[in-house]
Amino acid sequence: MEEEAESGPKISVIDTLKVIPPPSMLRESKKKQIVEKRIRVRRVDNIEEGKAKINPLLAKELGVGDDMVEIVVAGRKSLQLSPILDEGVPQNEVWVNAEILKTLGIADNTIATIKRIAKK
């Protein structure tokens, strides 16, 4: 019989697997962006028609760059607006022109859903 040559201490399989990261850690490296978010729509007089003031942190969450945003109220009424980033706007609110909201019958402080729409 041949004697086995010693090549150092034996390494267990468990110790070897500790070096390999789990799949969940690899998946976390991809940045998750939310698709839509529930917010409050506020009526403000000094905003241009077709524009909406949103917080920069909310815009970053939604991935809004030069894209438009769509605000949907109760699944029935929707607005497509260009975002204006403003630090003065609370993160869970979007400020829209009061006249537009009045014509659509949307009350102040209404809960709505906002999502990003890619420009064509």
C-alpha atoms as a PDB file:
ATOM      1  CA  MET A   1       0.000   0.000   0.000  1.00  0.00           C
ATOM      2  CA  GLU A   2       1.086   3.453  -0.782  1.00  0.00           C
ATOM      3  CA  GLU A   3       1.245   6.069   1.885  1.00  0.00           C
ATOM      4  CA  GLU A   4      -0.554   9.313   1.173  1.00  0.00           C
ATOM      5  CA  ALA A   5       1.706  12.311   1.026  1.00  0.00           C
ATOM      6  CA  GLU A   6       0.751  14.966   3.484  1.00  0.00           C
ATOM      7  CA  SER A   7       0.159  18.296   1.773  1.00  0.00           C
ATOM      8  CA  GLY A   8      -0.832  20.278   4.807  1.00  0.00           C
ATOM      9  CA  PRO A   9      -3.965  20.489   6.899  1.00  0.00           C
ATOM     10  CA  LYS A  10      -7.177  19.319   5.269  1.00  0.00           C
ATOM     11  CA  ILE A  11      -9.726  22.036   4.549  1.00  0.00           C
ATOM     12  CA  SER A  12     -13.334  21.159   5.094  1.00  0.00           C
ATOM     13  CA  VAL A  13     -15.991  21.821   2.464  1.00  0.00           C
ATOM     14  CA  ILE A  14     -17.871  24.122   4.864  1.00  0.00           C
ATOM     15  CA  ASP A  15     -14.828  26.375   5.239  1.00  0.00           C
ATOM     16  CA  THR A  16     -14.453  26.485   1.467  1.00  0.00           C
ATOM     17  CA  LEU A  17     -18.099  27.545   0.989  1.00  0.00           C
ATOM     18  CA  LYS A  18     -17.698  30.445   3.428  1.00  0.00           C
ATOM     19  CA  VAL A  19     -15.620  32.232   0.808  1.00  0.00           C
ATOM     20  CA  ILE A  20     -18.428  32.157  -1.795  1.00  0.00           C
ATOM     21  CA  PRO A  21     -21.043  34.909  -1.228  1.00  0.00           C
ATOM     22  CA  PRO A  22     -24.688  33.817  -1.079  1.00  0.00           C
ATOM     23  CA  PRO A  23     -26.935  34.623  -4.077  1.00  0.00           C
ATOM     24  CA  SER A  24     -28.977  37.095  -2.045  1.00  0.00           C
ATOM     25  CA  MET A  25     -25.886  39.237  -1.501  1.00  0.00           C
ATOM     26  CA  LEU A  26     -25.198  39.311  -5.225  1.00  0.00           C
ATOM     27  CA  ARG A  27     -28.806  40.300  -5.930  1.00  0.00           C
ATOM     28  CA  GLU A  28     -28.651  43.187  -3.422  1.00  0.00           C
ATOM     29  CA  SER A  29     -25.912  44.853  -5.423  1.00  0.00           C
ATOM     30  CA  LYS A  30     -28.510  45.792  -8.025  1.00  0.00           C
ATOM     31  CA  LYS A  31     -30.223  49.016  -7.049  1.00  0.00           C
ATOM     32  CA  LYS A  32     -33.954  48.594  -6.586  1.00  0.00           C
ATOM     33  CA  GLN A  33     -36.156  51.369  -7.908  1.00  0.00           C
ATOM     34  CA  ILE A  34     -39.768  51.625  -6.998  1.00  0.00           C
ATOM     35  CA  VAL A  35     -42.222  51.798  -9.860  1.00  0.00           C
ATOM     36  CA  GLU A  36     -44.900  53.888  -8.178  1.00  0.00           C
ATOM     37  CA  LYS A  37     -45.609  55.489  -4.822  1.00  0.00           C
ATOM     38  CA  ARG A  38     -48.638  56.767  -2.922  1.00  0.00           C
ATOM     39  CA  ILE A  39     -48.425  60.506  -2.247  1.00  0.00           C
ATOM     40  CA  ARG A  40     -50.600  63.518  -1.399  1.00  0.00           C
ATOM     41  CA  VAL A  41     -51.491  65.985  -4.144  1.00  0.00           C
ATOM     42  CA  ARG A  42     -51.561  69.600  -2.983  1.00  0.00           C
ATOM     43  CA  ARG A  43     -53.048  72.632  -4.751  1.00  0.00           C
ATOM     44  CA  VAL A  44     -50.549  75.480  -5.150  1.00  0.00           C
ATOM     45  CA  ASP A  45     -51.228  78.667  -7.130  1.00  0.00           C
ATOM     46  CA  ASN A  46     -47.707  79.690  -8.185  1.00  0.00           C
ATOM     47  CA  ILE A  47     -46.895  76.606 -10.328  1.00  0.00           C
ATOM     48  CA  GLU A  48     -47.018  76.605 -14.128  1.00  0.00           C
ATOM     49  CA  GLU A  49     -49.634  74.488 -15.872  1.00  0.00           C
ATOM     50  CA  GLY A  50     -48.293  71.134 -16.987  1.00  0.00           C
ATOM     51  CA  LYS A  51     -45.659  71.083 -14.226  1.00  0.00           C
ATOM     52  CA  ALA A  52     -45.478  69.431 -10.799  1.00  0.00           C
ATOM     53  CA  LYS A  53     -43.097  70.252  -7.957  1.00  0.00           C
ATOM     54  CA  ILE A  54     -41.664  67.164  -6.316  1.00  0.00           C
ATOM     55  CA  ASN A  55     -38.970  66.490  -3.744  1.00  0.00           C
ATOM     56  CA  PRO A  56     -35.579  65.439  -5.220  1.00  0.00           C
ATOM     57  CA  LEU A  57     -35.510  62.360  -2.966  1.00  0.00           C
ATOM     58  CA  LEU A  58     -38.874  61.217  -4.357  1.00  0.00           C
ATOM     59  CA  ALA A  59     -37.591  61.826  -7.890  1.00  0.00           C
ATOM     60  CA  LYS A  60     -34.527  59.702  -7.139  1.00  0.00           C
ATOM     61  CA  GLU A  61     -36.693  56.879  -5.733  1.00  0.00           C
ATOM     62  CA  LEU A  62     -38.819  56.868  -8.888  1.00  0.00           C
ATOM     63  CA  GLY A  63     -35.828  57.246 -11.205  1.00  0.00           C
ATOM     64  CA  VAL A  64     -37.147  60.480 -12.692  1.00  0.00           C
ATOM     65  CA  GLY A  65     -34.560  62.341 -14.752  1.00  0.00           C
ATOM     66  CA  ASP A  66     -35.907  64.226 -17.752  1.00  0.00           C
ATOM     67  CA  ASP A  67     -38.949  61.946 -17.786  1.00  0.00           C
ATOM     68  CA  MET A  68     -42.571  62.889 -17.202  1.00  0.00           C
ATOM     69  CA  VAL A  69     -44.557  61.746 -14.179  1.00  0.00           C
ATOM     70  CA  GLU A  70     -48.118  60.472 -14.129  1.00  0.00           C
ATOM     71  CA  ILE A  71     -50.359  61.147 -11.155  1.00  0.00           C
ATOM     72  CA  VAL A  72     -53.398  58.874 -10.880  1.00  0.00           C
ATOM     73  CA  VAL A  73     -56.233  59.604  -8.443  1.00  0.00           C
ATOM     74  CA  ALA A  74     -58.505  56.677  -7.530  1.00  0.00           C
ATOM     75  CA  GLY A  75     -57.679  54.922 -10.799  1.00  0.00           C
ATOM     76  CA  ARG A  76     -59.950  57.325 -12.699  1.00  0.00           C
ATOM     77  CA  LYS A  77     -58.350  60.727 -13.068  1.00  0.00           C
ATOM     78  CA  SER A  78     -54.802  61.013 -14.340  1.00  0.00           C
ATOM     79  CA  LEU A  79     -52.381  63.831 -15.055  1.00  0.00           C
ATOM     80  CA  GLN A  80     -49.151  63.709 -17.011  1.00  0.00           C
ATOM     81  CA  LEU A  81     -46.810  66.449 -15.849  1.00  0.00           C
ATOM     82  CA  SER A  82     -43.189  67.564 -16.121  1.00  0.00           C
ATOM     83  CA  PRO A  83     -41.450  67.431 -12.739  1.00  0.00           C
ATOM     84  CA  ILE A  84     -39.722  70.388 -11.115  1.00  0.00           C
ATOM     85  CA  LEU A  85     -37.377  69.362  -8.305  1.00  0.00           C
ATOM     86  CA  ASP A  86     -37.743  71.472  -5.160  1.00  0.00           C
ATOM     87  CA  GLU A  87     -36.273  70.843  -1.697  1.00  0.00           C
ATOM     88  CA  GLY A  88     -39.159  72.782  -0.099  1.00  0.00           C
ATOM     89  CA  VAL A  89     -41.718  70.147  -1.045  1.00  0.00           C
ATOM     90  CA  PRO A  90     -42.235  67.404   1.570  1.00  0.00           C
ATOM     91  CA  GLN A  91     -41.137  63.963   0.367  1.00  0.00           C
ATOM     92  CA  ASN A  92     -44.643  62.459   0.422  1.00  0.00           C
ATOM     93  CA  GLU A  93     -46.328  65.368  -1.412  1.00  0.00           C
ATOM     94  CA  VAL A  94     -46.543  66.648  -4.985  1.00  0.00           C
ATOM     95  CA  TRP A  95     -47.556  70.237  -5.651  1.00  0.00           C
ATOM     96  CA  VAL A  96     -49.655  70.890  -8.761  1.00  0.00           C
ATOM     97  CA  ASN A  97     -51.325  73.989 -10.231  1.00  0.00           C
ATOM     98  CA  ALA A  98     -54.595  74.672  -8.387  1.00  0.00           C
ATOM     99  CA  GLU A  99     -56.576  75.513 -11.533  1.00  0.00           C
ATOM    100  CA  ILE A 100     -55.790  72.188 -13.210  1.00  0.00           C
ATOM    101  CA  LEU A 101     -56.860  70.273 -10.116  1.00  0.00           C
ATOM    102  CA  LYS A 102     -60.087  72.281  -9.824  1.00  0.00           C
ATOM    103  CA  THR A 103     -61.047  71.574 -13.450  1.00  0.00           C
ATOM    104  CA  LEU A 104     -60.446  67.849 -12.943  1.00  0.00           C
ATOM    105  CA  GLY A 105     -62.339  67.844  -9.651  1.00  0.00           C
ATOM    106  CA  ILE A 106     -59.372  66.801  -7.529  1.00  0.00           C
ATOM    107  CA  ALA A 107     -59.473  68.122  -3.971  1.00  0.00           C
ATOM    108  CA  ASP A 108     -56.504  69.476  -2.056  1.00  0.00           C
ATOM    109  CA  ASN A 109     -54.565  66.885  -0.016  1.00  0.00           C
ATOM    110  CA  THR A 110     -55.934  63.956  -2.058  1.00  0.00           C
ATOM    111  CA  ILE A 111     -54.126  60.623  -1.932  1.00  0.00           C
ATOM    112  CA  ALA A 112     -52.821  59.610  -5.365  1.00  0.00           C
ATOM    113  CA  THR A 113     -50.239  57.372  -7.021  1.00  0.00           C
ATOM    114  CA  ILE A 114     -47.246  58.806  -8.831  1.00  0.00           C
ATOM    115  CA  LYS A 115     -45.109  56.955 -11.361  1.00  0.00           C
ATOM    116  CA  ARG A 116     -42.487  57.761 -13.961  1.00  0.00           C
ATOM    117  CA  ILE A 117     -43.314  57.845 -17.667  1.00  0.00           C
ATOM    118  CA  ALA A 118     -40.412  57.657 -20.121  1.00  0.00           C
ATOM    119  CA  LYS A 119     -40.297  60.422 -22.720  1.00  0.00           C
ATOM    120  CA  LYS A 120     -40.847  59.268 -26.284  1.00  0.00           C
END
